[in-house]
Amino acid sequence: LKALDQAGRKYRIAYGSPSLAGLLAAVQGGLAISVVTKDTIANGCRHAMPSDGLPSIKSVYIDLRFQPGNRSDVVSVFGGFIAKGLGIVI
């Protein structure tokens, strides 16, 4: 949003979701655009190109949070699976 503001680009927030699946559903339905990692690929979606006229952004950070305390091997492996799917390092 900061990049859009700095570019003087008007926008409105049409949808918000704490889940990637929810964001992608809005994009796939033609309701919105969203910021995702460069490795995120979804049917019916594409990454923006310079010719789209959108401002470039610096970095996007995605948090993968675990409950404090002892983490089981299952949770660690599942967290790694999610991180790999999103193209992030934990």
PDB file of N, CA and C in Angstrom:
ATOM      1  N   LEU A   1       0.827  -1.192   0.000  1.00  0.00           N
ATOM      2  CA  LEU A   1       0.000   0.000   0.000  1.00  0.00           C
ATOM      3  C   LEU A   1       0.866   1.249   0.000  1.00  0.00           C
ATOM      4  N   LYS A   2       1.991   1.157   0.694  1.00  0.00           N
ATOM      5  CA  LYS A   2       2.909   2.295   0.733  1.00  0.00           C
ATOM      6  C   LYS A   2       3.417   2.626  -0.673  1.00  0.00           C
ATOM      7  N   ALA A   3       3.759   1.605  -1.440  1.00  0.00           N
ATOM      8  CA  ALA A   3       4.250   1.826  -2.809  1.00  0.00           C
ATOM      9  C   ALA A   3       3.171   2.456  -3.674  1.00  0.00           C
ATOM     10  N   LEU A   4       1.925   2.027  -3.516  1.00  0.00           N
ATOM     11  CA  LEU A   4       0.827   2.618  -4.281  1.00  0.00           C
ATOM     12  C   LEU A   4       0.623   4.085  -3.892  1.00  0.00           C
ATOM     13  N   ASP A   5       0.684   4.354  -2.580  1.00  0.00           N
ATOM     14  CA  ASP A   5       0.550   5.742  -2.107  1.00  0.00           C
ATOM     15  C   ASP A   5       1.653   6.617  -2.682  1.00  0.00           C
ATOM     16  N   GLN A   6       2.894   6.129  -2.613  1.00  0.00           N
ATOM     17  CA  GLN A   6       4.033   6.918  -3.091  1.00  0.00           C
ATOM     18  C   GLN A   6       3.968   7.155  -4.596  1.00  0.00           C
ATOM     19  N   ALA A   7       3.354   6.225  -5.317  1.00  0.00           N
ATOM     20  CA  ALA A   7       3.224   6.370  -6.769  1.00  0.00           C
ATOM     21  C   ALA A   7       1.993   7.195  -7.144  1.00  0.00           C
ATOM     22  N   GLY A   8       1.216   7.600  -6.140  1.00  0.00           N
ATOM     23  CA  GLY A   8       0.006   8.359  -6.426  1.00  0.00           C
ATOM     24  C   GLY A   8      -1.076   7.518  -7.074  1.00  0.00           C
ATOM     25  N   ARG A   9      -0.997   6.225  -6.878  1.00  0.00           N
ATOM     26  CA  ARG A   9      -1.936   5.280  -7.494  1.00  0.00           C
ATOM     27  C   ARG A   9      -3.137   5.079  -6.577  1.00  0.00           C
ATOM     28  N   LYS A  10      -4.328   5.348  -7.071  1.00  0.00           N
ATOM     29  CA  LYS A  10      -5.528   5.157  -6.270  1.00  0.00           C
ATOM     30  C   LYS A  10      -5.831   3.674  -6.145  1.00  0.00           C
ATOM     31  N   TYR A  11      -6.363   3.298  -5.003  1.00  0.00           N
ATOM     32  CA  TYR A  11      -6.734   1.908  -4.758  1.00  0.00           C
ATOM     33  C   TYR A  11      -7.807   1.874  -3.680  1.00  0.00           C
ATOM     34  N   ARG A  12      -8.399   0.718  -3.532  1.00  0.00           N
ATOM     35  CA  ARG A  12      -9.287   0.471  -2.401  1.00  0.00           C
ATOM     36  C   ARG A  12      -9.060  -0.963  -1.946  1.00  0.00           C
ATOM     37  N   ILE A  13      -9.193  -1.181  -0.667  1.00  0.00           N
ATOM     38  CA  ILE A  13      -9.036  -2.531  -0.135  1.00  0.00           C
ATOM     39  C   ILE A  13     -10.371  -3.237  -0.312  1.00  0.00           C
ATOM     40  N   ALA A  14     -10.380  -4.232  -1.195  1.00  0.00           N
ATOM     41  CA  ALA A  14     -11.613  -4.931  -1.535  1.00  0.00           C
ATOM     42  C   ALA A  14     -11.808  -6.184  -0.697  1.00  0.00           C
ATOM     43  N   TYR A  15     -10.719  -6.714  -0.155  1.00  0.00           N
ATOM     44  CA  TYR A  15     -10.809  -7.989   0.558  1.00  0.00           C
ATOM     45  C   TYR A  15      -9.564  -8.143   1.409  1.00  0.00           C
ATOM     46  N   GLY A  16      -9.703  -8.772   2.531  1.00  0.00           N
ATOM     47  CA  GLY A  16      -8.560  -9.088   3.380  1.00  0.00           C
ATOM     48  C   GLY A  16      -8.729 -10.479   3.952  1.00  0.00           C
ATOM     49  N   SER A  17      -7.636 -11.184   4.115  1.00  0.00           N
ATOM     50  CA  SER A  17      -7.690 -12.534   4.660  1.00  0.00           C
ATOM     51  C   SER A  17      -6.358 -12.863   5.302  1.00  0.00           C
ATOM     52  N   PRO A  18      -6.380 -13.578   6.412  1.00  0.00           N
ATOM     53  CA  PRO A  18      -5.123 -14.009   7.013  1.00  0.00           C
ATOM     54  C   PRO A  18      -4.520 -15.227   6.306  1.00  0.00           C
ATOM     55  N   SER A  19      -5.252 -15.784   5.329  1.00  0.00           N
ATOM     56  CA  SER A  19      -4.745 -16.983   4.662  1.00  0.00           C
ATOM     57  C   SER A  19      -4.398 -16.702   3.204  1.00  0.00           C
ATOM     58  N   LEU A  20      -3.343 -17.329   2.743  1.00  0.00           N
ATOM     59  CA  LEU A  20      -2.947 -17.217   1.343  1.00  0.00           C
ATOM     60  C   LEU A  20      -4.044 -17.757   0.436  1.00  0.00           C
ATOM     61  N   ALA A  21      -4.671 -18.857   0.844  1.00  0.00           N
ATOM     62  CA  ALA A  21      -5.740 -19.443   0.032  1.00  0.00           C
ATOM     63  C   ALA A  21      -6.888 -18.460  -0.150  1.00  0.00           C
ATOM     64  N   GLY A  22      -7.220 -17.728   0.890  1.00  0.00           N
ATOM     65  CA  GLY A  22      -8.286 -16.732   0.796  1.00  0.00           C
ATOM     66  C   GLY A  22      -7.924 -15.603  -0.145  1.00  0.00           C
ATOM     67  N   LEU A  23      -6.682 -15.121  -0.058  1.00  0.00           N
ATOM     68  CA  LEU A  23      -6.227 -14.060  -0.963  1.00  0.00           C
ATOM     69  C   LEU A  23      -6.236 -14.531  -2.410  1.00  0.00           C
ATOM     70  N   LEU A  24      -5.723 -15.732  -2.626  1.00  0.00           N
ATOM     71  CA  LEU A  24      -5.683 -16.248  -4.001  1.00  0.00           C
ATOM     72  C   LEU A  24      -7.084 -16.471  -4.556  1.00  0.00           C
ATOM     73  N   ALA A  25      -8.027 -16.851  -3.712  1.00  0.00           N
ATOM     74  CA  ALA A  25      -9.404 -17.033  -4.174  1.00  0.00           C
ATOM     75  C   ALA A  25      -9.979 -15.702  -4.664  1.00  0.00           C
ATOM     76  N   ALA A  26      -9.674 -14.615  -3.955  1.00  0.00           N
ATOM     77  CA  ALA A  26     -10.151 -13.295  -4.388  1.00  0.00           C
ATOM     78  C   ALA A  26      -9.510 -12.898  -5.712  1.00  0.00           C
ATOM     79  N   VAL A  27      -8.233 -13.197  -5.876  1.00  0.00           N
ATOM     80  CA  VAL A  27      -7.536 -12.886  -7.124  1.00  0.00           C
ATOM     81  C   VAL A  27      -8.102 -13.741  -8.264  1.00  0.00           C
ATOM     82  N   GLN A  28      -8.264 -15.022  -8.006  1.00  0.00           N
ATOM     83  CA  GLN A  28      -8.790 -15.916  -9.035  1.00  0.00           C
ATOM     84  C   GLN A  28     -10.211 -15.537  -9.448  1.00  0.00           C
ATOM     85  N   GLY A  29     -10.962 -14.968  -8.514  1.00  0.00           N
ATOM     86  CA  GLY A  29     -12.322 -14.539  -8.817  1.00  0.00           C
ATOM     87  C   GLY A  29     -12.390 -13.177  -9.484  1.00  0.00           C
ATOM     88  N   GLY A  30     -11.226 -12.558  -9.720  1.00  0.00           N
ATOM     89  CA  GLY A  30     -11.193 -11.267 -10.386  1.00  0.00           C
ATOM     90  C   GLY A  30     -11.571 -10.100  -9.494  1.00  0.00           C
ATOM     91  N   LEU A  31     -11.555 -10.307  -8.188  1.00  0.00           N
ATOM     92  CA  LEU A  31     -11.950  -9.264  -7.248  1.00  0.00           C
ATOM     93  C   LEU A  31     -10.791  -8.389  -6.785  1.00  0.00           C
ATOM     94  N   ALA A  32      -9.566  -8.879  -6.938  1.00  0.00           N
ATOM     95  CA  ALA A  32      -8.449  -8.166  -6.320  1.00  0.00           C
ATOM     96  C   ALA A  32      -7.131  -8.548  -6.972  1.00  0.00           C
ATOM     97  N   ILE A  33      -6.109  -7.780  -6.591  1.00  0.00           N
ATOM     98  CA  ILE A  33      -4.729  -8.175  -6.836  1.00  0.00           C
ATOM     99  C   ILE A  33      -4.107  -8.344  -5.458  1.00  0.00           C
ATOM    100  N   SER A  34      -3.021  -9.068  -5.374  1.00  0.00           N
ATOM    101  CA  SER A  34      -2.397  -9.301  -4.077  1.00  0.00           C
ATOM    102  C   SER A  34      -0.894  -9.441  -4.246  1.00  0.00           C
ATOM    103  N   VAL A  35      -0.192  -9.188  -3.189  1.00  0.00           N
ATOM    104  CA  VAL A  35       1.248  -9.397  -3.162  1.00  0.00           C
ATOM    105  C   VAL A  35       1.506 -10.816  -2.682  1.00  0.00           C
ATOM    106  N   VAL A  36       2.317 -11.543  -3.424  1.00  0.00           N
ATOM    107  CA  VAL A  36       2.707 -12.904  -3.054  1.00  0.00           C
ATOM    108  C   VAL A  36       4.205 -13.054  -3.297  1.00  0.00           C
ATOM    109  N   THR A  37       4.772 -14.143  -2.833  1.00  0.00           N
ATOM    110  CA  THR A  37       6.182 -14.388  -3.100  1.00  0.00           C
ATOM    111  C   THR A  37       6.374 -14.707  -4.577  1.00  0.00           C
ATOM    112  N   LYS A  38       7.587 -14.539  -5.048  1.00  0.00           N
ATOM    113  CA  LYS A  38       7.862 -14.808  -6.468  1.00  0.00           C
ATOM    114  C   LYS A  38       7.669 -16.271  -6.820  1.00  0.00           C
ATOM    115  N   ASP A  39       7.711 -17.147  -5.825  1.00  0.00           N
ATOM    116  CA  ASP A  39       7.544 -18.577  -6.072  1.00  0.00           C
ATOM    117  C   ASP A  39       6.097 -19.039  -5.983  1.00  0.00           C
ATOM    118  N   THR A  40       5.190 -18.148  -5.605  1.00  0.00           N
ATOM    119  CA  THR A  40       3.778 -18.520  -5.503  1.00  0.00           C
ATOM    120  C   THR A  40       3.177 -18.602  -6.896  1.00  0.00           C
ATOM    121  N   ILE A  41       2.630 -19.762  -7.201  1.00  0.00           N
ATOM    122  CA  ILE A  41       1.995 -19.993  -8.501  1.00  0.00           C
ATOM    123  C   ILE A  41       0.610 -20.554  -8.235  1.00  0.00           C
ATOM    124  N   ALA A  42      -0.409 -19.986  -8.867  1.00  0.00           N
ATOM    125  CA  ALA A  42      -1.777 -20.472  -8.688  1.00  0.00           C
ATOM    126  C   ALA A  42      -2.513 -20.386 -10.020  1.00  0.00           C
ATOM    127  N   ASN A  43      -3.366 -21.357 -10.259  1.00  0.00           N
ATOM    128  CA  ASN A  43      -4.168 -21.359 -11.485  1.00  0.00           C
ATOM    129  C   ASN A  43      -4.982 -20.076 -11.584  1.00  0.00           C
ATOM    130  N   GLY A  44      -5.003 -19.484 -12.755  1.00  0.00           N
ATOM    131  CA  GLY A  44      -5.775 -18.277 -12.984  1.00  0.00           C
ATOM    132  C   GLY A  44      -5.117 -17.005 -12.482  1.00  0.00           C
ATOM    133  N   CYS A  45      -3.884 -17.106 -12.015  1.00  0.00           N
ATOM    134  CA  CYS A  45      -3.151 -15.943 -11.500  1.00  0.00           C
ATOM    135  C   CYS A  45      -1.834 -15.797 -12.262  1.00  0.00           C
ATOM    136  N   ARG A  46      -1.314 -14.593 -12.243  1.00  0.00           N
ATOM    137  CA  ARG A  46      -0.004 -14.354 -12.839  1.00  0.00           C
ATOM    138  C   ARG A  46       0.690 -13.272 -12.041  1.00  0.00           C
ATOM    139  N   HIS A  47       1.981 -13.191 -12.182  1.00  0.00           N
ATOM    140  CA  HIS A  47       2.744 -12.133 -11.524  1.00  0.00           C
ATOM    141  C   HIS A  47       2.655 -10.862 -12.367  1.00  0.00           C
ATOM    142  N   ALA A  48       2.632  -9.725 -11.693  1.00  0.00           N
ATOM    143  CA  ALA A  48       2.559  -8.440 -12.388  1.00  0.00           C
ATOM    144  C   ALA A  48       3.833  -8.207 -13.189  1.00  0.00           C
ATOM    145  N   MET A  49       3.669  -7.545 -14.303  1.00  0.00           N
ATOM    146  CA  MET A  49       4.786  -7.182 -15.164  1.00  0.00           C
ATOM    147  C   MET A  49       4.929  -5.662 -15.138  1.00  0.00           C
ATOM    148  N   PRO A  50       6.113  -5.140 -15.467  1.00  0.00           N
ATOM    149  CA  PRO A  50       6.281  -3.683 -15.508  1.00  0.00           C
ATOM    150  C   PRO A  50       5.238  -2.990 -16.384  1.00  0.00           C
ATOM    151  N   SER A  51       4.817  -3.651 -17.451  1.00  0.00           N
ATOM    152  CA  SER A  51       3.823  -3.057 -18.355  1.00  0.00           C
ATOM    153  C   SER A  51       2.445  -2.916 -17.698  1.00  0.00           C
ATOM    154  N   ASP A  52       2.227  -3.541 -16.537  1.00  0.00           N
ATOM    155  CA  ASP A  52       0.959  -3.412 -15.821  1.00  0.00           C
ATOM    156  C   ASP A  52       0.830  -2.058 -15.132  1.00  0.00           C
ATOM    157  N   GLY A  53       1.950  -1.340 -15.030  1.00  0.00           N
ATOM    158  CA  GLY A  53       1.912  -0.006 -14.445  1.00  0.00           C
ATOM    159  C   GLY A  53       1.851   0.039 -12.932  1.00  0.00           C
ATOM    160  N   LEU A  54       2.126  -1.069 -12.288  1.00  0.00           N
ATOM    161  CA  LEU A  54       2.143  -1.081 -10.825  1.00  0.00           C
ATOM    162  C   LEU A  54       3.537  -0.704 -10.323  1.00  0.00           C
ATOM    163  N   PRO A  55       3.614  -0.017  -9.183  1.00  0.00           N
ATOM    164  CA  PRO A  55       4.940   0.330  -8.656  1.00  0.00           C
ATOM    165  C   PRO A  55       5.653  -0.913  -8.147  1.00  0.00           C
ATOM    166  N   SER A  56       6.973  -0.894  -8.204  1.00  0.00           N
ATOM    167  CA  SER A  56       7.731  -2.012  -7.651  1.00  0.00           C
ATOM    168  C   SER A  56       7.719  -1.909  -6.129  1.00  0.00           C
ATOM    169  N   ILE A  57       7.891  -3.039  -5.490  1.00  0.00           N
ATOM    170  CA  ILE A  57       7.951  -3.060  -4.028  1.00  0.00           C
ATOM    171  C   ILE A  57       9.289  -3.635  -3.600  1.00  0.00           C
ATOM    172  N   LYS A  58       9.716  -3.268  -2.414  1.00  0.00           N
ATOM    173  CA  LYS A  58      11.025  -3.717  -1.932  1.00  0.00           C
ATOM    174  C   LYS A  58      10.990  -5.186  -1.566  1.00  0.00           C
ATOM    175  N   SER A  59      10.400  -5.515  -0.464  1.00  0.00           N
ATOM    176  CA  SER A  59      10.346  -6.898   0.004  1.00  0.00           C
ATOM    177  C   SER A  59       9.019  -7.160   0.684  1.00  0.00           C
ATOM    178  N   VAL A  60       8.623  -8.394   0.656  1.00  0.00           N
ATOM    179  CA  VAL A  60       7.428  -8.834   1.358  1.00  0.00           C
ATOM    180  C   VAL A  60       7.879  -9.868   2.375  1.00  0.00           C
ATOM    181  N   TYR A  61       7.406  -9.702   3.589  1.00  0.00           N
ATOM    182  CA  TYR A  61       7.778 -10.630   4.641  1.00  0.00           C
ATOM    183  C   TYR A  61       6.564 -11.450   5.052  1.00  0.00           C
ATOM    184  N   ILE A  62       6.781 -12.727   5.157  1.00  0.00           N
ATOM    185  CA  ILE A  62       5.729 -13.640   5.588  1.00  0.00           C
ATOM    186  C   ILE A  62       6.231 -14.324   6.848  1.00  0.00           C
ATOM    187  N   ASP A  63       5.433 -14.268   7.887  1.00  0.00           N
ATOM    188  CA  ASP A  63       5.785 -14.922   9.146  1.00  0.00           C
ATOM    189  C   ASP A  63       5.144 -16.291   9.214  1.00  0.00           C
ATOM    190  N   LEU A  64       5.925 -17.247   9.626  1.00  0.00           N
ATOM    191  CA  LEU A  64       5.425 -18.579   9.943  1.00  0.00           C
ATOM    192  C   LEU A  64       5.700 -18.746  11.426  1.00  0.00           C
ATOM    193  N   ARG A  65       4.656 -18.709  12.225  1.00  0.00           N
ATOM    194  CA  ARG A  65       4.824 -18.683  13.678  1.00  0.00           C
ATOM    195  C   ARG A  65       4.454 -20.021  14.296  1.00  0.00           C
ATOM    196  N   PHE A  66       5.243 -20.376  15.286  1.00  0.00           N
ATOM    197  CA  PHE A  66       5.002 -21.593  16.039  1.00  0.00           C
ATOM    198  C   PHE A  66       4.717 -21.222  17.487  1.00  0.00           C
ATOM    199  N   GLN A  67       3.907 -22.020  18.131  1.00  0.00           N
ATOM    200  CA  GLN A  67       3.624 -21.785  19.540  1.00  0.00           C
ATOM    201  C   GLN A  67       4.908 -21.973  20.337  1.00  0.00           C
ATOM    202  N   PRO A  68       5.166 -21.086  21.310  1.00  0.00           N
ATOM    203  CA  PRO A  68       6.386 -21.220  22.118  1.00  0.00           C
ATOM    204  C   PRO A  68       6.428 -22.562  22.857  1.00  0.00           C
ATOM    205  N   GLY A  69       7.623 -23.011  23.109  1.00  0.00           N
ATOM    206  CA  GLY A  69       7.792 -24.272  23.823  1.00  0.00           C
ATOM    207  C   GLY A  69       8.409 -25.328  22.933  1.00  0.00           C
ATOM    208  N   ASN A  70       8.306 -26.541  23.367  1.00  0.00           N
ATOM    209  CA  ASN A  70       8.861 -27.656  22.597  1.00  0.00           C
ATOM    210  C   ASN A  70       8.016 -27.898  21.357  1.00  0.00           C
ATOM    211  N   ARG A  71       8.680 -27.911  20.228  1.00  0.00           N
ATOM    212  CA  ARG A  71       8.014 -28.134  18.953  1.00  0.00           C
ATOM    213  C   ARG A  71       8.237 -29.577  18.540  1.00  0.00           C
ATOM    214  N   SER A  72       7.163 -30.274  18.222  1.00  0.00           N
ATOM    215  CA  SER A  72       7.289 -31.678  17.819  1.00  0.00           C
ATOM    216  C   SER A  72       7.909 -31.775  16.429  1.00  0.00           C
ATOM    217  N   ASP A  73       8.419 -32.954  16.131  1.00  0.00           N
ATOM    218  CA  ASP A  73       8.995 -33.185  14.805  1.00  0.00           C
ATOM    219  C   ASP A  73       7.927 -33.012  13.711  1.00  0.00           C
ATOM    220  N   VAL A  74       6.709 -33.416  14.009  1.00  0.00           N
ATOM    221  CA  VAL A  74       5.624 -33.303  13.030  1.00  0.00           C
ATOM    222  C   VAL A  74       5.379 -31.827  12.699  1.00  0.00           C
ATOM    223  N   VAL A  75       5.329 -30.979  13.719  1.00  0.00           N
ATOM    224  CA  VAL A  75       5.103 -29.551  13.496  1.00  0.00           C
ATOM    225  C   VAL A  75       6.273 -28.954  12.719  1.00  0.00           C
ATOM    226  N   SER A  76       7.490 -29.347  13.050  1.00  0.00           N
ATOM    227  CA  SER A  76       8.665 -28.834  12.340  1.00  0.00           C
ATOM    228  C   SER A  76       8.642 -29.226  10.867  1.00  0.00           C
ATOM    229  N   VAL A  77       8.321 -30.481  10.590  1.00  0.00           N
ATOM    230  CA  VAL A  77       8.275 -30.952   9.200  1.00  0.00           C
ATOM    231  C   VAL A  77       7.150 -30.245   8.446  1.00  0.00           C
ATOM    232  N   PHE A  78       5.989 -30.102   9.080  1.00  0.00           N
ATOM    233  CA  PHE A  78       4.869 -29.432   8.435  1.00  0.00           C
ATOM    234  C   PHE A  78       5.202 -27.964   8.169  1.00  0.00           C
ATOM    235  N   GLY A  79       5.851 -27.313   9.129  1.00  0.00           N
ATOM    236  CA  GLY A  79       6.288 -25.926   8.931  1.00  0.00           C
ATOM    237  C   GLY A  79       7.246 -25.811   7.759  1.00  0.00           C
ATOM    238  N   GLY A  80       8.161 -26.767   7.626  1.00  0.00           N
ATOM    239  CA  GLY A  80       9.082 -26.780   6.504  1.00  0.00           C
ATOM    240  C   GLY A  80       8.367 -26.972   5.183  1.00  0.00           C
ATOM    241  N   PHE A  81       7.352 -27.811   5.188  1.00  0.00           N
ATOM    242  CA  PHE A  81       6.546 -28.049   3.983  1.00  0.00           C
ATOM    243  C   PHE A  81       5.849 -26.758   3.540  1.00  0.00           C
ATOM    244  N   ILE A  82       5.255 -26.058   4.494  1.00  0.00           N
ATOM    245  CA  ILE A  82       4.571 -24.795   4.187  1.00  0.00           C
ATOM    246  C   ILE A  82       5.574 -23.773   3.667  1.00  0.00           C
ATOM    247  N   ALA A  83       6.701 -23.649   4.357  1.00  0.00           N
ATOM    248  CA  ALA A  83       7.724 -22.678   3.959  1.00  0.00           C
ATOM    249  C   ALA A  83       8.225 -22.968   2.547  1.00  0.00           C
ATOM    250  N   LYS A  84       8.464 -24.222   2.248  1.00  0.00           N
ATOM    251  CA  LYS A  84       8.938 -24.589   0.913  1.00  0.00           C
ATOM    252  C   LYS A  84       7.906 -24.216  -0.154  1.00  0.00           C
ATOM    253  N   GLY A  85       6.639 -24.458   0.138  1.00  0.00           N
ATOM    254  CA  GLY A  85       5.571 -24.108  -0.798  1.00  0.00           C
ATOM    255  C   GLY A  85       5.469 -22.627  -1.052  1.00  0.00           C
ATOM    256  N   LEU A  86       5.824 -21.816  -0.043  1.00  0.00           N
ATOM    257  CA  LEU A  86       5.776 -20.375  -0.189  1.00  0.00           C
ATOM    258  C   LEU A  86       7.096 -19.794  -0.681  1.00  0.00           C
ATOM    259  N   GLY A  87       8.115 -20.637  -0.764  1.00  0.00           N
ATOM    260  CA  GLY A  87       9.417 -20.164  -1.218  1.00  0.00           C
ATOM    261  C   GLY A  87      10.148 -19.352  -0.168  1.00  0.00           C
ATOM    262  N   ILE A  88       9.903 -19.652   1.121  1.00  0.00           N
ATOM    263  CA  ILE A  88      10.579 -18.929   2.199  1.00  0.00           C
ATOM    264  C   ILE A  88      11.470 -19.865   2.994  1.00  0.00           C
ATOM    265  N   VAL A  89      12.403 -19.290   3.715  1.00  0.00           N
ATOM    266  CA  VAL A  89      13.340 -20.060   4.535  1.00  0.00           C
ATOM    267  C   VAL A  89      12.982 -19.834   5.989  1.00  0.00           C
ATOM    268  N   ILE A  90      12.926 -20.930   6.754  1.00  0.00           N
ATOM    269  CA  ILE A  90      12.663 -20.791   8.194  1.00  0.00           C
ATOM    270  C   ILE A  90      13.880 -21.229   8.987  1.00  0.00           C
TER     271      ILE A  90
END
